[in-house]
């Protein structure tokens, strides 16, 4: 098993609550809503509104956030480049999950329809 890099550790210890406002701003600037953002978070993690709020209020780091999630079995179908890395090639499982979320938020902000975004990943 590969050892986590400094970047992997930094990502794991980053709080979801500190990144969430950036996700929200990104999608809202492109005319999307908080509900749209929560729909993709829910699709990926299985979290409902209460669970998302809980992780924000508790300032859960990404390790806790994804340890408690029920990752969608079709998450592996998320592909593409995010932050200069090909999502499907990221070796650290937690870093890959965080990048899956980043990729979904990016696609949402680019205007991709929820039905098409999550539907193409086989809801």
PDB file of N, CA and C in Angstrom:
ATOM      1  N   UNK A   1       0.844  -1.187   0.000  1.00  0.00           N
ATOM      2  CA  UNK A   1       0.000   0.000   0.000  1.00  0.00           C
ATOM      3  C   UNK A   1       0.885   1.244   0.000  1.00  0.00           C
ATOM      4  N   UNK A   2       0.516   2.241  -0.766  1.00  0.00           N
ATOM      5  CA  UNK A   2       1.299   3.461  -0.865  1.00  0.00           C
ATOM      6  C   UNK A   2       1.181   4.294   0.401  1.00  0.00           C
ATOM      7  N   UNK A   3       2.295   4.909   0.775  1.00  0.00           N
ATOM      8  CA  UNK A   3       2.309   5.801   1.921  1.00  0.00           C
ATOM      9  C   UNK A   3       1.680   7.130   1.511  1.00  0.00           C
ATOM     10  N   UNK A   4       0.892   7.729   2.401  1.00  0.00           N
ATOM     11  CA  UNK A   4       0.315   9.033   2.076  1.00  0.00           C
ATOM     12  C   UNK A   4       1.417  10.087   1.942  1.00  0.00           C
ATOM     13  N   UNK A   5       1.252  10.976   0.992  1.00  0.00           N
ATOM     14  CA  UNK A   5       2.192  12.080   0.827  1.00  0.00           C
ATOM     15  C   UNK A   5       1.773  13.218   1.753  1.00  0.00           C
ATOM     16  N   UNK A   6       2.600  14.249   1.798  1.00  0.00           N
ATOM     17  CA  UNK A   6       2.247  15.431   2.595  1.00  0.00           C
ATOM     18  C   UNK A   6       0.948  16.051   2.081  1.00  0.00           C
ATOM     19  N   UNK A   7       0.777  16.044   0.766  1.00  0.00           N
ATOM     20  CA  UNK A   7      -0.450  16.589   0.187  1.00  0.00           C
ATOM     21  C   UNK A   7      -1.657  15.770   0.606  1.00  0.00           C
ATOM     22  N   UNK A   8      -1.527  14.435   0.593  1.00  0.00           N
ATOM     23  CA  UNK A   8      -2.623  13.566   1.028  1.00  0.00           C
ATOM     24  C   UNK A   8      -2.991  13.851   2.479  1.00  0.00           C
ATOM     25  N   UNK A   9      -1.996  14.021   3.326  1.00  0.00           N
ATOM     26  CA  UNK A   9      -2.258  14.314   4.746  1.00  0.00           C
ATOM     27  C   UNK A   9      -2.911  15.682   4.914  1.00  0.00           C
ATOM     28  N   UNK A  10      -2.447  16.647   4.140  1.00  0.00           N
ATOM     29  CA  UNK A  10      -3.025  17.987   4.223  1.00  0.00           C
ATOM     30  C   UNK A  10      -4.500  17.938   3.825  1.00  0.00           C
ATOM     31  N   UNK A  11      -4.807  17.210   2.755  1.00  0.00           N
ATOM     32  CA  UNK A  11      -6.195  17.068   2.306  1.00  0.00           C
ATOM     33  C   UNK A  11      -7.028  16.363   3.373  1.00  0.00           C
ATOM     34  N   UNK A  12      -6.507  15.286   3.940  1.00  0.00           N
ATOM     35  CA  UNK A  12      -7.243  14.515   4.946  1.00  0.00           C
ATOM     36  C   UNK A  12      -7.587  15.355   6.169  1.00  0.00           C
ATOM     37  N   UNK A  13      -6.679  16.259   6.537  1.00  0.00           N
ATOM     38  CA  UNK A  13      -6.876  17.054   7.748  1.00  0.00           C
ATOM     39  C   UNK A  13      -7.599  18.371   7.507  1.00  0.00           C
ATOM     40  N   UNK A  14      -7.850  18.696   6.251  1.00  0.00           N
ATOM     41  CA  UNK A  14      -8.571  19.926   5.921  1.00  0.00           C
ATOM     42  C   UNK A  14     -10.036  19.765   6.331  1.00  0.00           C
ATOM     43  N   UNK A  15     -10.594  20.809   6.889  1.00  0.00           N
ATOM     44  CA  UNK A  15     -11.982  20.710   7.335  1.00  0.00           C
ATOM     45  C   UNK A  15     -12.943  20.903   6.164  1.00  0.00           C
ATOM     46  N   UNK A  16     -13.944  20.032   6.112  1.00  0.00           N
ATOM     47  CA  UNK A  16     -14.989  20.145   5.096  1.00  0.00           C
ATOM     48  C   UNK A  16     -15.669  21.501   5.219  1.00  0.00           C
ATOM     49  N   UNK A  17     -15.879  21.964   6.454  1.00  0.00           N
ATOM     50  CA  UNK A  17     -16.543  23.251   6.695  1.00  0.00           C
ATOM     51  C   UNK A  17     -15.756  24.413   6.101  1.00  0.00           C
ATOM     52  N   UNK A  18     -14.431  24.301   6.026  1.00  0.00           N
ATOM     53  CA  UNK A  18     -13.630  25.393   5.473  1.00  0.00           C
ATOM     54  C   UNK A  18     -13.691  25.422   3.944  1.00  0.00           C
ATOM     55  N   UNK A  19     -13.969  24.284   3.313  1.00  0.00           N
ATOM     56  CA  UNK A  19     -14.025  24.192   1.860  1.00  0.00           C
ATOM     57  C   UNK A  19     -15.453  24.404   1.348  1.00  0.00           C
ATOM     58  N   UNK A  20     -16.427  24.006   2.137  1.00  0.00           N
ATOM     59  CA  UNK A  20     -17.834  24.097   1.732  1.00  0.00           C
ATOM     60  C   UNK A  20     -18.230  25.484   1.218  1.00  0.00           C
ATOM     61  N   UNK A  21     -17.873  26.586   1.918  1.00  0.00           N
ATOM     62  CA  UNK A  21     -18.268  27.905   1.398  1.00  0.00           C
ATOM     63  C   UNK A  21     -17.691  28.187   0.001  1.00  0.00           C
ATOM     64  N   UNK A  22     -16.512  27.656  -0.280  1.00  0.00           N
ATOM     65  CA  UNK A  22     -15.914  27.843  -1.608  1.00  0.00           C
ATOM     66  C   UNK A  22     -16.702  27.071  -2.661  1.00  0.00           C
ATOM     67  N   UNK A  23     -17.124  25.851  -2.306  1.00  0.00           N
ATOM     68  CA  UNK A  23     -17.978  25.083  -3.219  1.00  0.00           C
ATOM     69  C   UNK A  23     -19.261  25.863  -3.507  1.00  0.00           C
ATOM     70  N   UNK A  24     -19.884  26.365  -2.438  1.00  0.00           N
ATOM     71  CA  UNK A  24     -21.152  27.073  -2.576  1.00  0.00           C
ATOM     72  C   UNK A  24     -20.994  28.338  -3.426  1.00  0.00           C
ATOM     73  N   UNK A  25     -19.971  29.119  -3.150  1.00  0.00           N
ATOM     74  CA  UNK A  25     -19.719  30.330  -3.926  1.00  0.00           C
ATOM     75  C   UNK A  25     -19.493  29.995  -5.394  1.00  0.00           C
ATOM     76  N   UNK A  26     -18.733  28.952  -5.632  1.00  0.00           N
ATOM     77  CA  UNK A  26     -18.418  28.556  -7.012  1.00  0.00           C
ATOM     78  C   UNK A  26     -19.686  28.219  -7.797  1.00  0.00           C
ATOM     79  N   UNK A  27     -20.565  27.438  -7.199  1.00  0.00           N
ATOM     80  CA  UNK A  27     -21.774  27.042  -7.930  1.00  0.00           C
ATOM     81  C   UNK A  27     -22.775  28.191  -8.027  1.00  0.00           C
ATOM     82  N   UNK A  28     -22.878  28.999  -6.980  1.00  0.00           N
ATOM     83  CA  UNK A  28     -23.826  30.119  -7.008  1.00  0.00           C
ATOM     84  C   UNK A  28     -23.405  31.189  -8.017  1.00  0.00           C
ATOM     85  N   UNK A  29     -22.103  31.411  -8.176  1.00  0.00           N
ATOM     86  CA  UNK A  29     -21.634  32.384  -9.173  1.00  0.00           C
ATOM     87  C   UNK A  29     -22.036  31.972 -10.582  1.00  0.00           C
ATOM     88  N   UNK A  30     -22.278  30.692 -10.776  1.00  0.00           N
ATOM     89  CA  UNK A  30     -22.673  30.180 -12.083  1.00  0.00           C
ATOM     90  C   UNK A  30     -24.174  29.915 -12.175  1.00  0.00           C
ATOM     91  N   UNK A  31     -24.937  30.463 -11.207  1.00  0.00           N
ATOM     92  CA  UNK A  31     -26.390  30.363 -11.270  1.00  0.00           C
ATOM     93  C   UNK A  31     -26.975  29.083 -10.699  1.00  0.00           C
ATOM     94  N   UNK A  32     -26.165  28.299 -10.029  1.00  0.00           N
ATOM     95  CA  UNK A  32     -26.669  27.070  -9.402  1.00  0.00           C
ATOM     96  C   UNK A  32     -27.049  27.379  -7.956  1.00  0.00           C
ATOM     97  N   UNK A  33     -27.706  26.438  -7.287  1.00  0.00           N
ATOM     98  CA  UNK A  33     -28.216  26.674  -5.936  1.00  0.00           C
ATOM     99  C   UNK A  33     -27.531  25.780  -4.905  1.00  0.00           C
ATOM    100  N   UNK A  34     -27.776  26.155  -3.652  1.00  0.00           N
ATOM    101  CA  UNK A  34     -27.307  25.338  -2.526  1.00  0.00           C
ATOM    102  C   UNK A  34     -27.904  23.932  -2.632  1.00  0.00           C
ATOM    103  N   UNK A  35     -29.161  23.856  -3.053  1.00  0.00           N
ATOM    104  CA  UNK A  35     -29.832  22.567  -3.196  1.00  0.00           C
ATOM    105  C   UNK A  35     -29.152  21.713  -4.267  1.00  0.00           C
ATOM    106  N   UNK A  36     -28.710  22.343  -5.349  1.00  0.00           N
ATOM    107  CA  UNK A  36     -27.965  21.614  -6.385  1.00  0.00           C
ATOM    108  C   UNK A  36     -26.664  21.061  -5.818  1.00  0.00           C
ATOM    109  N   UNK A  37     -25.956  21.900  -5.062  1.00  0.00           N
ATOM    110  CA  UNK A  37     -24.705  21.469  -4.440  1.00  0.00           C
ATOM    111  C   UNK A  37     -24.950  20.293  -3.506  1.00  0.00           C
ATOM    112  N   UNK A  38     -25.979  20.399  -2.680  1.00  0.00           N
ATOM    113  CA  UNK A  38     -26.288  19.325  -1.738  1.00  0.00           C
ATOM    114  C   UNK A  38     -26.702  18.048  -2.465  1.00  0.00           C
ATOM    115  N   UNK A  39     -27.331  18.190  -3.619  1.00  0.00           N
ATOM    116  CA  UNK A  39     -27.723  17.005  -4.390  1.00  0.00           C
ATOM    117  C   UNK A  39     -26.494  16.214  -4.833  1.00  0.00           C
ATOM    118  N   UNK A  40     -25.447  16.911  -5.294  1.00  0.00           N
ATOM    119  CA  UNK A  40     -24.258  16.159  -5.718  1.00  0.00           C
ATOM    120  C   UNK A  40     -23.486  15.619  -4.514  1.00  0.00           C
ATOM    121  N   UNK A  41     -23.461  16.369  -3.420  1.00  0.00           N
ATOM    122  CA  UNK A  41     -22.817  15.859  -2.204  1.00  0.00           C
ATOM    123  C   UNK A  41     -23.558  14.617  -1.721  1.00  0.00           C
ATOM    124  N   UNK A  42     -24.880  14.680  -1.726  1.00  0.00           N
ATOM    125  CA  UNK A  42     -25.697  13.537  -1.300  1.00  0.00           C
ATOM    126  C   UNK A  42     -25.499  12.332  -2.216  1.00  0.00           C
ATOM    127  N   UNK A  43     -25.444  12.579  -3.528  1.00  0.00           N
ATOM    128  CA  UNK A  43     -25.238  11.477  -4.472  1.00  0.00           C
ATOM    129  C   UNK A  43     -23.927  10.763  -4.169  1.00  0.00           C
ATOM    130  N   UNK A  44     -22.868  11.539  -3.927  1.00  0.00           N
ATOM    131  CA  UNK A  44     -21.555  10.947  -3.704  1.00  0.00           C
ATOM    132  C   UNK A  44     -21.445  10.268  -2.346  1.00  0.00           C
ATOM    133  N   UNK A  45     -21.982  10.892  -1.302  1.00  0.00           N
ATOM    134  CA  UNK A  45     -21.731  10.433   0.065  1.00  0.00           C
ATOM    135  C   UNK A  45     -22.877   9.669   0.716  1.00  0.00           C
ATOM    136  N   UNK A  46     -24.081   9.836   0.186  1.00  0.00           N
ATOM    137  CA  UNK A  46     -25.248   9.246   0.830  1.00  0.00           C
ATOM    138  C   UNK A  46     -25.791  10.101   1.964  1.00  0.00           C
ATOM    139  N   UNK A  47     -25.178  11.256   2.223  1.00  0.00           N
ATOM    140  CA  UNK A  47     -25.623  12.125   3.301  1.00  0.00           C
ATOM    141  C   UNK A  47     -26.914  12.856   2.941  1.00  0.00           C
ATOM    142  N   UNK A  48     -27.773  13.030   3.971  1.00  0.00           N
ATOM    143  CA  UNK A  48     -28.943  13.876   3.810  1.00  0.00           C
ATOM    144  C   UNK A  48     -28.587  15.281   4.313  1.00  0.00           C
ATOM    145  N   UNK A  49     -29.558  16.189   4.273  1.00  0.00           N
ATOM    146  CA  UNK A  49     -29.323  17.579   4.697  1.00  0.00           C
ATOM    147  C   UNK A  49     -28.774  17.654   6.123  1.00  0.00           C
ATOM    148  N   UNK A  50     -29.348  16.859   7.023  1.00  0.00           N
ATOM    149  CA  UNK A  50     -28.919  16.897   8.427  1.00  0.00           C
ATOM    150  C   UNK A  50     -27.468  16.459   8.573  1.00  0.00           C
ATOM    151  N   UNK A  51     -27.069  15.436   7.845  1.00  0.00           N
ATOM    152  CA  UNK A  51     -25.693  14.940   7.939  1.00  0.00           C
ATOM    153  C   UNK A  51     -24.704  15.952   7.363  1.00  0.00           C
ATOM    154  N   UNK A  52     -25.070  16.586   6.258  1.00  0.00           N
ATOM    155  CA  UNK A  52     -24.194  17.609   5.679  1.00  0.00           C
ATOM    156  C   UNK A  52     -24.026  18.752   6.681  1.00  0.00           C
ATOM    157  N   UNK A  53     -25.124  19.214   7.252  1.00  0.00           N
ATOM    158  CA  UNK A  53     -25.074  20.289   8.257  1.00  0.00           C
ATOM    159  C   UNK A  53     -24.258  19.877   9.468  1.00  0.00           C
ATOM    160  N   UNK A  54     -24.418  18.638   9.892  1.00  0.00           N
ATOM    161  CA  UNK A  54     -23.652  18.127  11.036  1.00  0.00           C
ATOM    162  C   UNK A  54     -22.149  18.237  10.773  1.00  0.00           C
ATOM    163  N   UNK A  55     -21.715  17.801   9.607  1.00  0.00           N
ATOM    164  CA  UNK A  55     -20.281  17.843   9.290  1.00  0.00           C
ATOM    165  C   UNK A  55     -19.764  19.271   9.173  1.00  0.00           C
ATOM    166  N   UNK A  56     -20.608  20.162   8.698  1.00  0.00           N
ATOM    167  CA  UNK A  56     -20.213  21.576   8.636  1.00  0.00           C
ATOM    168  C   UNK A  56     -20.101  22.134  10.049  1.00  0.00           C
ATOM    169  N   UNK A  57     -21.116  21.903  10.869  1.00  0.00           N
ATOM    170  CA  UNK A  57     -21.128  22.436  12.243  1.00  0.00           C
ATOM    171  C   UNK A  57     -20.038  21.838  13.117  1.00  0.00           C
ATOM    172  N   UNK A  58     -19.716  20.566  12.904  1.00  0.00           N
ATOM    173  CA  UNK A  58     -18.681  19.899  13.696  1.00  0.00           C
ATOM    174  C   UNK A  58     -17.281  20.168  13.166  1.00  0.00           C
ATOM    175  N   UNK A  59     -17.220  20.853  12.024  1.00  0.00           N
ATOM    176  CA  UNK A  59     -15.938  21.125  11.369  1.00  0.00           C
ATOM    177  C   UNK A  59     -15.151  19.838  11.134  1.00  0.00           C
ATOM    178  N   UNK A  60     -15.871  18.822  10.668  1.00  0.00           N
ATOM    179  CA  UNK A  60     -15.253  17.533  10.365  1.00  0.00           C
ATOM    180  C   UNK A  60     -14.176  17.712   9.304  1.00  0.00           C
ATOM    181  N   UNK A  61     -13.054  17.022   9.503  1.00  0.00           N
ATOM    182  CA  UNK A  61     -12.062  17.046   8.440  1.00  0.00           C
ATOM    183  C   UNK A  61     -12.505  16.051   7.360  1.00  0.00           C
ATOM    184  N   UNK A  62     -11.827  16.085   6.214  1.00  0.00           N
ATOM    185  CA  UNK A  62     -12.240  15.216   5.119  1.00  0.00           C
ATOM    186  C   UNK A  62     -12.099  13.735   5.481  1.00  0.00           C
ATOM    187  N   UNK A  63     -11.161  13.396   6.329  1.00  0.00           N
ATOM    188  CA  UNK A  63     -11.023  11.995   6.762  1.00  0.00           C
ATOM    189  C   UNK A  63     -12.303  11.546   7.464  1.00  0.00           C
ATOM    190  N   UNK A  64     -12.779  12.332   8.433  1.00  0.00           N
ATOM    191  CA  UNK A  64     -14.016  11.989   9.145  1.00  0.00           C
ATOM    192  C   UNK A  64     -15.212  12.033   8.203  1.00  0.00           C
ATOM    193  N   UNK A  65     -15.241  13.056   7.357  1.00  0.00           N
ATOM    194  CA  UNK A  65     -16.349  13.249   6.431  1.00  0.00           C
ATOM    195  C   UNK A  65     -16.539  12.010   5.556  1.00  0.00           C
ATOM    196  N   UNK A  66     -15.463  11.507   4.981  1.00  0.00           N
ATOM    197  CA  UNK A  66     -15.592  10.353   4.096  1.00  0.00           C
ATOM    198  C   UNK A  66     -15.590   9.024   4.831  1.00  0.00           C
ATOM    199  N   UNK A  67     -15.002   8.955   6.026  1.00  0.00           N
ATOM    200  CA  UNK A  67     -15.062   7.710   6.816  1.00  0.00           C
ATOM    201  C   UNK A  67     -16.502   7.372   7.184  1.00  0.00           C
ATOM    202  N   UNK A  68     -17.321   8.396   7.396  1.00  0.00           N
ATOM    203  CA  UNK A  68     -18.702   8.178   7.805  1.00  0.00           C
ATOM    204  C   UNK A  68     -19.675   8.132   6.627  1.00  0.00           C
ATOM    205  N   UNK A  69     -19.169   8.363   5.430  1.00  0.00           N
ATOM    206  CA  UNK A  69     -20.020   8.391   4.235  1.00  0.00           C
ATOM    207  C   UNK A  69     -20.226   6.984   3.676  1.00  0.00           C
ATOM    208  N   UNK A  70     -21.301   6.832   2.938  1.00  0.00           N
ATOM    209  CA  UNK A  70     -21.549   5.619   2.161  1.00  0.00           C
ATOM    210  C   UNK A  70     -21.318   6.002   0.705  1.00  0.00           C
ATOM    211  N   UNK A  71     -20.074   5.866   0.270  1.00  0.00           N
ATOM    212  CA  UNK A  71     -19.711   6.314  -1.068  1.00  0.00           C
ATOM    213  C   UNK A  71     -20.562   5.623  -2.120  1.00  0.00           C
ATOM    214  N   UNK A  72     -21.068   6.410  -3.049  1.00  0.00           N
ATOM    215  CA  UNK A  72     -21.885   5.861  -4.124  1.00  0.00           C
ATOM    216  C   UNK A  72     -21.074   4.807  -4.874  1.00  0.00           C
ATOM    217  N   UNK A  73     -21.656   3.629  -5.112  1.00  0.00           N
ATOM    218  CA  UNK A  73     -20.909   2.568  -5.785  1.00  0.00           C
ATOM    219  C   UNK A  73     -20.474   2.923  -7.206  1.00  0.00           C
ATOM    220  N   UNK A  74     -21.072   3.965  -7.783  1.00  0.00           N
ATOM    221  CA  UNK A  74     -20.691   4.394  -9.126  1.00  0.00           C
ATOM    222  C   UNK A  74     -19.707   5.561  -9.128  1.00  0.00           C
ATOM    223  N   UNK A  75     -19.189   5.907  -7.960  1.00  0.00           N
ATOM    224  CA  UNK A  75     -18.237   7.029  -7.877  1.00  0.00           C
ATOM    225  C   UNK A  75     -17.017   6.788  -8.759  1.00  0.00           C
ATOM    226  N   UNK A  76     -16.642   5.549  -8.916  1.00  0.00           N
ATOM    227  CA  UNK A  76     -15.456   5.241  -9.728  1.00  0.00           C
ATOM    228  C   UNK A  76     -15.641   5.643 -11.202  1.00  0.00           C
ATOM    229  N   UNK A  77     -16.867   5.941 -11.590  1.00  0.00           N
ATOM    230  CA  UNK A  77     -17.136   6.365 -12.965  1.00  0.00           C
ATOM    231  C   UNK A  77     -16.820   7.848 -13.186  1.00  0.00           C
ATOM    232  N   UNK A  78     -16.507   8.571 -12.106  1.00  0.00           N
ATOM    233  CA  UNK A  78     -16.132   9.978 -12.220  1.00  0.00           C
ATOM    234  C   UNK A  78     -14.710  10.026 -12.770  1.00  0.00           C
ATOM    235  N   UNK A  79     -14.553  10.705 -13.884  1.00  0.00           N
ATOM    236  CA  UNK A  79     -13.241  10.794 -14.521  1.00  0.00           C
ATOM    237  C   UNK A  79     -12.958  12.224 -14.930  1.00  0.00           C
ATOM    238  N   UNK A  80     -11.727  12.481 -15.272  1.00  0.00           N
ATOM    239  CA  UNK A  80     -11.342  13.799 -15.748  1.00  0.00           C
ATOM    240  C   UNK A  80     -10.227  14.381 -14.912  1.00  0.00           C
ATOM    241  N   UNK A  81      -9.890  15.609 -15.215  1.00  0.00           N
ATOM    242  CA  UNK A  81      -8.769  16.282 -14.556  1.00  0.00           C
ATOM    243  C   UNK A  81      -9.304  17.328 -13.594  1.00  0.00           C
ATOM    244  N   UNK A  82      -8.742  17.339 -12.390  1.00  0.00           N
ATOM    245  CA  UNK A  82      -9.074  18.350 -11.395  1.00  0.00           C
ATOM    246  C   UNK A  82      -7.777  18.724 -10.680  1.00  0.00           C
ATOM    247  N   UNK A  83      -7.515  20.000 -10.583  1.00  0.00           N
ATOM    248  CA  UNK A  83      -6.284  20.503  -9.946  1.00  0.00           C
ATOM    249  C   UNK A  83      -5.030  19.883 -10.567  1.00  0.00           C
ATOM    250  N   UNK A  84      -5.098  19.615 -11.852  1.00  0.00           N
ATOM    251  CA  UNK A  84      -3.947  19.072 -12.555  1.00  0.00           C
ATOM    252  C   UNK A  84      -3.746  17.574 -12.425  1.00  0.00           C
ATOM    253  N   UNK A  85      -4.657  16.896 -11.742  1.00  0.00           N
ATOM    254  CA  UNK A  85      -4.541  15.448 -11.548  1.00  0.00           C
ATOM    255  C   UNK A  85      -5.708  14.737 -12.206  1.00  0.00           C
ATOM    256  N   UNK A  86      -5.428  13.637 -12.862  1.00  0.00           N
ATOM    257  CA  UNK A  86      -6.473  12.799 -13.438  1.00  0.00           C
ATOM    258  C   UNK A  86      -7.114  12.047 -12.270  1.00  0.00           C
ATOM    259  N   UNK A  87      -8.395  12.296 -12.023  1.00  0.00           N
ATOM    260  CA  UNK A  87      -9.112  11.766 -10.862  1.00  0.00           C
ATOM    261  C   UNK A  87      -9.000  10.242 -10.755  1.00  0.00           C
ATOM    262  N   UNK A  88      -9.173   9.573 -11.885  1.00  0.00           N
ATOM    263  CA  UNK A  88      -9.173   8.104 -11.862  1.00  0.00           C
ATOM    264  C   UNK A  88      -7.791   7.511 -11.597  1.00  0.00           C
ATOM    265  N   UNK A  89      -6.737   8.344 -11.630  1.00  0.00           N
ATOM    266  CA  UNK A  89      -5.377   7.843 -11.414  1.00  0.00           C
ATOM    267  C   UNK A  89      -4.830   8.157 -10.031  1.00  0.00           C
ATOM    268  N   UNK A  90      -5.584   8.848  -9.213  1.00  0.00           N
ATOM    269  CA  UNK A  90      -5.121   9.188  -7.861  1.00  0.00           C
ATOM    270  C   UNK A  90      -5.059   7.913  -7.032  1.00  0.00           C
ATOM    271  N   UNK A  91      -3.915   7.658  -6.441  1.00  0.00           N
ATOM    272  CA  UNK A  91      -3.692   6.393  -5.736  1.00  0.00           C
ATOM    273  C   UNK A  91      -4.215   6.386  -4.303  1.00  0.00           C
ATOM    274  N   UNK A  92      -4.146   7.518  -3.611  1.00  0.00           N
ATOM    275  CA  UNK A  92      -4.614   7.560  -2.227  1.00  0.00           C
ATOM    276  C   UNK A  92      -6.147   7.581  -2.228  1.00  0.00           C
ATOM    277  N   UNK A  93      -6.790   6.587  -1.611  1.00  0.00           N
ATOM    278  CA  UNK A  93      -8.262   6.504  -1.667  1.00  0.00           C
ATOM    279  C   UNK A  93      -8.988   7.741  -1.122  1.00  0.00           C
ATOM    280  N   UNK A  94      -8.511   8.297  -0.027  1.00  0.00           N
ATOM    281  CA  UNK A  94      -9.188   9.473   0.522  1.00  0.00           C
ATOM    282  C   UNK A  94      -9.006  10.682  -0.386  1.00  0.00           C
ATOM    283  N   UNK A  95      -7.808  10.899  -0.855  1.00  0.00           N
ATOM    284  CA  UNK A  95      -7.571  12.023  -1.771  1.00  0.00           C
ATOM    285  C   UNK A  95      -8.423  11.872  -3.021  1.00  0.00           C
ATOM    286  N   UNK A  96      -8.587  10.649  -3.485  1.00  0.00           N
ATOM    287  CA  UNK A  96      -9.415  10.415  -4.664  1.00  0.00           C
ATOM    288  C   UNK A  96     -10.869  10.776  -4.383  1.00  0.00           C
ATOM    289  N   UNK A  97     -11.381  10.421  -3.212  1.00  0.00           N
ATOM    290  CA  UNK A  97     -12.766  10.756  -2.865  1.00  0.00           C
ATOM    291  C   UNK A  97     -12.964  12.269  -2.805  1.00  0.00           C
ATOM    292  N   UNK A  98     -11.998  12.971  -2.227  1.00  0.00           N
ATOM    293  CA  UNK A  98     -12.093  14.435  -2.160  1.00  0.00           C
ATOM    294  C   UNK A  98     -12.082  15.013  -3.573  1.00  0.00           C
ATOM    295  N   UNK A  99     -11.250  14.485  -4.424  1.00  0.00           N
ATOM    296  CA  UNK A  99     -11.185  14.964  -5.815  1.00  0.00           C
ATOM    297  C   UNK A  99     -12.442  14.596  -6.597  1.00  0.00           C
ATOM    298  N   UNK A 100     -13.071  13.462  -6.253  1.00  0.00           N
ATOM    299  CA  UNK A 100     -14.371  13.142  -6.857  1.00  0.00           C
ATOM    300  C   UNK A 100     -15.350  14.267  -6.552  1.00  0.00           C
ATOM    301  N   UNK A 101     -15.383  14.679  -5.286  1.00  0.00           N
ATOM    302  CA  UNK A 101     -16.288  15.751  -4.885  1.00  0.00           C
ATOM    303  C   UNK A 101     -15.936  17.046  -5.609  1.00  0.00           C
ATOM    304  N   UNK A 102     -14.649  17.364  -5.669  1.00  0.00           N
ATOM    305  CA  UNK A 102     -14.214  18.564  -6.387  1.00  0.00           C
ATOM    306  C   UNK A 102     -14.676  18.524  -7.842  1.00  0.00           C
ATOM    307  N   UNK A 103     -14.538  17.367  -8.478  1.00  0.00           N
ATOM    308  CA  UNK A 103     -14.908  17.221  -9.887  1.00  0.00           C
ATOM    309  C   UNK A 103     -16.412  17.410 -10.079  1.00  0.00           C
ATOM    310  N   UNK A 104     -17.214  16.828  -9.182  1.00  0.00           N
ATOM    311  CA  UNK A 104     -18.665  16.998  -9.270  1.00  0.00           C
ATOM    312  C   UNK A 104     -19.057  18.463  -9.124  1.00  0.00           C
ATOM    313  N   UNK A 105     -18.426  19.152  -8.175  1.00  0.00           N
ATOM    314  CA  UNK A 105     -18.718  20.574  -7.969  1.00  0.00           C
ATOM    315  C   UNK A 105     -18.313  21.374  -9.206  1.00  0.00           C
ATOM    316  N   UNK A 106     -17.154  21.068  -9.771  1.00  0.00           N
ATOM    317  CA  UNK A 106     -16.712  21.753 -10.994  1.00  0.00           C
ATOM    318  C   UNK A 106     -17.704  21.564 -12.142  1.00  0.00           C
ATOM    319  N   UNK A 107     -18.128  20.332 -12.341  1.00  0.00           N
ATOM    320  CA  UNK A 107     -19.071  20.045 -13.434  1.00  0.00           C
ATOM    321  C   UNK A 107     -20.406  20.745 -13.200  1.00  0.00           C
ATOM    322  N   UNK A 108     -20.846  20.774 -11.950  1.00  0.00           N
ATOM    323  CA  UNK A 108     -22.077  21.475 -11.601  1.00  0.00           C
ATOM    324  C   UNK A 108     -21.938  22.963 -11.927  1.00  0.00           C
ATOM    325  N   UNK A 109     -20.799  23.553 -11.537  1.00  0.00           N
ATOM    326  CA  UNK A 109     -20.557  24.969 -11.785  1.00  0.00           C
ATOM    327  C   UNK A 109     -20.436  25.275 -13.279  1.00  0.00           C
ATOM    328  N   UNK A 110     -20.020  24.301 -14.058  1.00  0.00           N
ATOM    329  CA  UNK A 110     -19.911  24.501 -15.511  1.00  0.00           C
ATOM    330  C   UNK A 110     -21.275  24.453 -16.198  1.00  0.00           C
ATOM    331  N   UNK A 111     -22.307  24.158 -15.425  1.00  0.00           N
ATOM    332  CA  UNK A 111     -23.655  24.192 -15.973  1.00  0.00           C
ATOM    333  C   UNK A 111     -24.230  22.844 -16.342  1.00  0.00           C
ATOM    334  N   UNK A 112     -23.516  21.780 -16.062  1.00  0.00           N
ATOM    335  CA  UNK A 112     -24.035  20.457 -16.396  1.00  0.00           C
ATOM    336  C   UNK A 112     -25.287  20.187 -15.562  1.00  0.00           C
ATOM    337  N   UNK A 113     -26.331  19.710 -16.206  1.00  0.00           N
ATOM    338  CA  UNK A 113     -27.590  19.424 -15.523  1.00  0.00           C
ATOM    339  C   UNK A 113     -27.400  18.306 -14.504  1.00  0.00           C
ATOM    340  N   UNK A 114     -28.067  18.454 -13.366  1.00  0.00           N
ATOM    341  CA  UNK A 114     -27.965  17.426 -12.323  1.00  0.00           C
ATOM    342  C   UNK A 114     -28.318  16.048 -12.854  1.00  0.00           C
ATOM    343  N   UNK A 115     -29.402  15.991 -13.612  1.00  0.00           N
ATOM    344  CA  UNK A 115     -29.847  14.704 -14.138  1.00  0.00           C
ATOM    345  C   UNK A 115     -28.779  14.096 -15.051  1.00  0.00           C
ATOM    346  N   UNK A 116     -28.151  14.959 -15.829  1.00  0.00           N
ATOM    347  CA  UNK A 116     -27.120  14.479 -16.747  1.00  0.00           C
ATOM    348  C   UNK A 116     -25.856  14.123 -15.971  1.00  0.00           C
ATOM    349  N   UNK A 117     -25.496  14.964 -15.007  1.00  0.00           N
ATOM    350  CA  UNK A 117     -24.290  14.742 -14.223  1.00  0.00           C
ATOM    351  C   UNK A 117     -24.381  13.444 -13.434  1.00  0.00           C
ATOM    352  N   UNK A 118     -25.390  13.325 -12.609  1.00  0.00           N
ATOM    353  CA  UNK A 118     -25.532  12.117 -11.787  1.00  0.00           C
ATOM    354  C   UNK A 118     -26.134  10.973 -12.573  1.00  0.00           C
ATOM    355  N   UNK A 119     -27.005  11.276 -13.536  1.00  0.00           N
ATOM    356  CA  UNK A 119     -27.604  10.246 -14.355  1.00  0.00           C
ATOM    357  C   UNK A 119     -26.580   9.538 -15.214  1.00  0.00           C
ATOM    358  N   UNK A 120     -25.604  10.292 -15.732  1.00  0.00           N
ATOM    359  CA  UNK A 120     -24.572   9.676 -16.553  1.00  0.00           C
ATOM    360  C   UNK A 120     -23.670   8.788 -15.712  1.00  0.00           C
ATOM    361  N   UNK A 121     -23.727   8.987 -14.398  1.00  0.00           N
ATOM    362  CA  UNK A 121     -22.957   8.139 -13.488  1.00  0.00           C
ATOM    363  C   UNK A 121     -23.832   7.037 -12.902  1.00  0.00           C
ATOM    364  N   UNK A 122     -25.002   6.878 -13.498  1.00  0.00           N
ATOM    365  CA  UNK A 122     -25.951   5.844 -13.104  1.00  0.00           C
ATOM    366  C   UNK A 122     -26.380   5.948 -11.650  1.00  0.00           C
ATOM    367  N   UNK A 123     -27.282   6.884 -11.399  1.00  0.00           N
ATOM    368  CA  UNK A 123     -27.859   7.033 -10.050  1.00  0.00           C
ATOM    369  C   UNK A 123     -28.367   5.723  -9.598  1.00  0.00           C
TER     370      UNK A 123
END
